[in-house]
Amino acid sequence: MTGQLGIIEILGIAGSVSLLSGWRLYLCVLATGAAMRLGVLPLPEHLAALQILANPWVMGAAGLAAVLEFFADKVMWLDTVWDTIHTLVRPLGGALLALAVVDPSDPATQAIAFILGGGASLLAHGGKAGARAVVNTSPEPFSNIAVSTAEDVVTGGLLFLAYQYPIVAGGIALALLALTVWLLLLARRVLKRVFAGPDRTS
């Protein structure tokens, strides 16, 4: 990714990273930092604020947290506890990542990016947590592991696409938003059915 980005690309990247942070915040931080350090993501001067993610200490902390999340997210009900703890952490992290993408010379745009980035992360977090609560109603542990692994792969792949092909990032953000809304509606419907109990009408 080289050269100056247009507003569509910037908003696409900010939206994609924010939404993905609602799934895997630490993986987003680690993958972004590693890609920059390896030269895979040659960020334009405009995005220099993201360079802090390539700091070895930041990458080390993100890597440790990502490993912990990798295992915690695959244990039934422990993943729900982990999600609950991160209800504040993920939206804040997503908001800060979105903030780093936006031009620092425009405070108004940065404020909007911070608010929308946090909202997008919170929405994605809610969709993920709701979907995993539904998966946890299944007595066998394999579906939980399969869904968690799919989240790992999809997050890494989409994060790479968003940074490597900024023009595609907007489409990725819209697709993630649609998926998140669908997951929220599905989780609401299933959980309502589970906790409503059997129909008592005769």
Protein backbone atom coordinates (compact mmCIF):
# COMPACT_ATOMS: atom_id res chain seq x y z
CA MET A 1 0.00 0.00 0.00
CA THR A 2 1.70 3.17 -1.13
CA GLY A 3 0.83 6.77 -1.89
CA GLN A 4 -1.77 9.09 -0.47
CA LEU A 5 -5.07 7.48 0.37
CA GLY A 6 -8.42 8.93 -0.59
CA ILE A 7 -11.28 9.44 1.84
CA ILE A 8 -13.03 6.24 0.69
CA GLU A 9 -9.93 4.12 1.31
CA ILE A 10 -9.28 5.78 4.68
CA LEU A 11 -12.86 5.22 5.85
CA GLY A 12 -12.77 1.66 4.51
CA ILE A 13 -9.58 0.81 6.41
CA ALA A 14 -10.79 2.52 9.59
CA GLY A 15 -14.13 0.70 9.39
CA SER A 16 -12.60 -2.69 8.62
CA VAL A 17 -10.01 -2.49 11.40
CA SER A 18 -12.58 -1.25 13.92
CA LEU A 19 -15.03 -4.04 13.11
CA LEU A 20 -12.31 -6.71 13.15
CA SER A 21 -11.10 -5.37 16.51
CA GLY A 22 -14.50 -6.29 17.90
CA TRP A 23 -13.59 -9.92 17.12
CA ARG A 24 -9.83 -10.08 17.70
CA LEU A 25 -8.37 -6.82 19.00
CA TYR A 26 -4.96 -8.21 19.94
CA LEU A 27 -4.59 -10.08 16.66
CA CYS A 28 -5.37 -6.84 14.80
CA VAL A 29 -2.68 -4.97 16.74
CA LEU A 30 -0.12 -7.78 16.38
CA ALA A 31 -0.77 -8.45 12.68
CA THR A 32 -0.64 -4.76 11.81
CA GLY A 33 2.59 -4.23 13.72
CA ALA A 34 4.24 -7.34 12.27
CA ALA A 35 3.25 -6.43 8.72
CA MET A 36 4.72 -2.95 9.11
CA ARG A 37 7.91 -4.28 10.69
CA LEU A 38 8.38 -6.78 7.86
CA GLY A 39 7.69 -4.15 5.23
CA VAL A 40 4.51 -5.83 4.01
CA LEU A 41 2.57 -2.68 4.85
CA PRO A 42 4.62 0.34 3.74
CA LEU A 43 2.35 2.94 5.30
CA PRO A 44 2.23 6.36 3.70
CA GLU A 45 3.33 9.34 5.79
CA HIS A 46 -0.30 10.08 6.45
CA LEU A 47 -0.59 6.88 8.56
CA ALA A 48 2.68 7.27 10.45
CA ALA A 49 0.81 7.20 13.77
CA LEU A 50 0.27 3.47 13.29
CA GLN A 51 4.05 2.89 13.40
CA ILE A 52 3.86 2.57 17.19
CA LEU A 53 2.22 -0.83 16.59
CA ALA A 54 5.56 -2.06 15.18
CA ASN A 55 7.29 -1.35 18.49
CA PRO A 56 8.69 -4.64 19.87
CA TRP A 57 7.18 -4.03 23.30
CA VAL A 58 3.75 -3.30 21.85
CA MET A 59 3.98 -6.36 19.60
CA GLY A 60 5.14 -8.52 22.50
CA ALA A 61 2.24 -7.45 24.71
CA ALA A 62 -0.24 -7.87 21.85
CA GLY A 63 1.23 -11.28 21.01
CA LEU A 64 0.91 -12.53 24.59
CA ALA A 65 -2.66 -11.27 24.80
CA ALA A 66 -3.46 -12.81 21.39
CA VAL A 67 -2.16 -16.21 22.56
CA LEU A 68 -4.25 -16.02 25.73
CA GLU A 69 -7.29 -15.05 23.68
CA PHE A 70 -6.62 -17.83 21.17
CA PHE A 71 -6.96 -20.50 23.86
CA ALA A 72 -9.57 -18.81 26.07
CA ASP A 73 -11.84 -18.31 23.07
CA LYS A 74 -11.94 -22.04 22.35
CA VAL A 75 -13.13 -23.20 25.77
CA MET A 76 -16.89 -23.34 26.19
CA TRP A 77 -18.24 -20.60 28.49
CA LEU A 78 -14.71 -19.34 29.22
CA ASP A 79 -15.05 -17.54 25.89
CA THR A 80 -18.18 -15.83 27.22
CA VAL A 81 -16.32 -14.68 30.32
CA TRP A 82 -13.48 -13.40 28.12
CA ASP A 83 -15.95 -11.54 25.89
CA THR A 84 -17.63 -9.99 28.92
CA ILE A 85 -14.30 -8.71 30.25
CA HIS A 86 -13.50 -7.22 26.83
CA THR A 87 -16.81 -5.41 26.38
CA LEU A 88 -15.02 -2.14 27.13
CA VAL A 89 -11.51 -3.06 25.94
CA ARG A 90 -12.38 -3.98 22.34
CA PRO A 91 -14.45 -0.88 21.52
CA LEU A 92 -11.78 1.37 23.02
CA GLY A 93 -9.04 -0.42 21.09
CA GLY A 94 -11.04 -0.26 17.87
CA ALA A 95 -11.68 3.44 18.40
CA LEU A 96 -7.96 4.13 18.92
CA LEU A 97 -6.99 2.13 15.82
CA ALA A 98 -9.54 4.06 13.75
CA LEU A 99 -8.20 7.30 15.24
CA ALA A 100 -4.66 6.41 14.16
CA VAL A 101 -5.76 5.96 10.55
CA VAL A 102 -7.32 9.42 10.22
CA ASP A 103 -5.35 12.57 9.38
CA PRO A 104 -4.19 14.10 12.72
CA SER A 105 -4.44 17.62 11.26
CA ASP A 106 -8.23 17.36 11.20
CA PRO A 107 -9.54 17.17 14.80
CA ALA A 108 -13.19 17.03 13.74
CA THR A 109 -12.60 14.01 11.51
CA GLN A 110 -10.56 12.36 14.25
CA ALA A 111 -13.38 12.85 16.76
CA ILE A 112 -15.86 11.31 14.31
CA ALA A 113 -13.47 8.41 13.61
CA PHE A 114 -13.01 7.77 17.34
CA ILE A 115 -16.77 7.68 17.99
CA LEU A 116 -17.66 5.62 14.93
CA GLY A 117 -14.66 3.32 15.39
CA GLY A 118 -15.68 2.57 18.96
CA GLY A 119 -19.28 2.05 17.89
CA ALA A 120 -18.27 -0.32 15.09
CA SER A 121 -16.07 -2.35 17.46
CA LEU A 122 -18.84 -2.52 20.05
CA LEU A 123 -21.32 -3.67 17.41
CA ALA A 124 -18.95 -6.36 16.13
CA HIS A 125 -18.16 -7.41 19.70
CA GLY A 126 -21.87 -7.74 20.43
CA GLY A 127 -22.41 -9.85 17.32
CA LYS A 128 -19.50 -12.12 18.19
CA ALA A 129 -20.51 -12.49 21.84
CA GLY A 130 -24.12 -13.19 20.90
CA ALA A 131 -23.17 -15.78 18.30
CA ARG A 132 -20.82 -17.53 20.70
CA ALA A 133 -23.54 -17.63 23.38
CA VAL A 134 -25.71 -19.46 20.86
CA VAL A 135 -22.88 -21.89 20.00
CA ASN A 136 -22.36 -22.56 23.71
CA THR A 137 -25.90 -23.93 23.98
CA SER A 138 -24.61 -26.96 22.08
CA PRO A 139 -23.38 -29.66 24.50
CA GLU A 140 -20.39 -30.72 22.36
CA PRO A 141 -17.20 -28.57 22.36
CA PHE A 142 -16.22 -29.02 18.71
CA SER A 143 -18.53 -26.38 17.24
CA ASN A 144 -17.05 -23.83 19.64
CA ILE A 145 -13.50 -24.65 18.52
CA ALA A 146 -14.50 -24.60 14.84
CA VAL A 147 -16.20 -21.19 15.10
CA SER A 148 -13.30 -19.72 17.07
CA THR A 149 -10.73 -20.99 14.56
CA ALA A 150 -12.79 -19.59 11.70
CA GLU A 151 -12.80 -16.20 13.45
CA ASP A 152 -9.00 -16.34 13.74
CA VAL A 153 -8.52 -17.13 10.04
CA VAL A 154 -11.12 -14.65 8.79
CA THR A 155 -9.79 -11.84 10.97
CA GLY A 156 -6.22 -12.33 9.78
CA GLY A 157 -7.21 -12.66 6.14
CA LEU A 158 -9.55 -9.67 6.05
CA LEU A 159 -7.09 -7.51 7.96
CA PHE A 160 -4.42 -8.27 5.35
CA LEU A 161 -6.83 -7.50 2.50
CA ALA A 162 -7.95 -4.23 4.08
CA TYR A 163 -4.39 -2.91 4.39
CA GLN A 164 -2.96 -4.40 1.21
CA TYR A 165 -5.87 -3.36 -1.00
CA PRO A 166 -7.37 -0.18 0.50
CA ILE A 167 -9.88 0.17 -2.33
CA VAL A 168 -11.40 -3.15 -1.22
CA ALA A 169 -11.46 -2.15 2.44
CA GLY A 170 -14.78 -0.33 2.14
CA GLY A 171 -16.45 -3.44 0.76
CA ILE A 172 -14.93 -5.52 3.54
CA ALA A 173 -16.27 -3.08 6.14
CA LEU A 174 -19.78 -3.20 4.66
CA ALA A 175 -19.71 -7.01 4.50
CA LEU A 176 -18.55 -7.21 8.12
CA LEU A 177 -21.26 -4.78 9.18
CA ALA A 178 -23.94 -6.84 7.43
CA LEU A 179 -22.57 -10.05 8.98
CA THR A 180 -22.52 -8.47 12.44
CA VAL A 181 -26.14 -7.31 12.19
CA TRP A 182 -27.17 -10.77 10.97
CA LEU A 183 -25.33 -12.45 13.87
CA LEU A 184 -27.03 -10.14 16.37
CA LEU A 185 -30.48 -10.90 14.95
CA LEU A 186 -29.76 -14.63 14.81
CA ALA A 187 -28.45 -14.70 18.39
CA ARG A 188 -31.46 -12.76 19.64
CA ARG A 189 -33.87 -15.15 17.94
CA VAL A 190 -32.13 -18.33 19.13
CA LEU A 191 -31.55 -17.18 22.71
CA LYS A 192 -35.13 -15.98 22.98
CA ARG A 193 -36.29 -19.43 21.89
CA VAL A 194 -33.91 -21.18 24.33
CA PHE A 195 -34.88 -19.14 27.39
CA ALA A 196 -38.59 -18.95 26.56
CA GLY A 197 -38.94 -22.63 27.37
CA PRO A 198 -41.60 -25.00 25.97
CA ASP A 199 -44.88 -23.62 24.77
CA ARG A 200 -47.43 -24.09 27.56
CA THR A 201 -50.50 -23.48 25.45
CA SER A 202 -52.76 -26.42 24.90
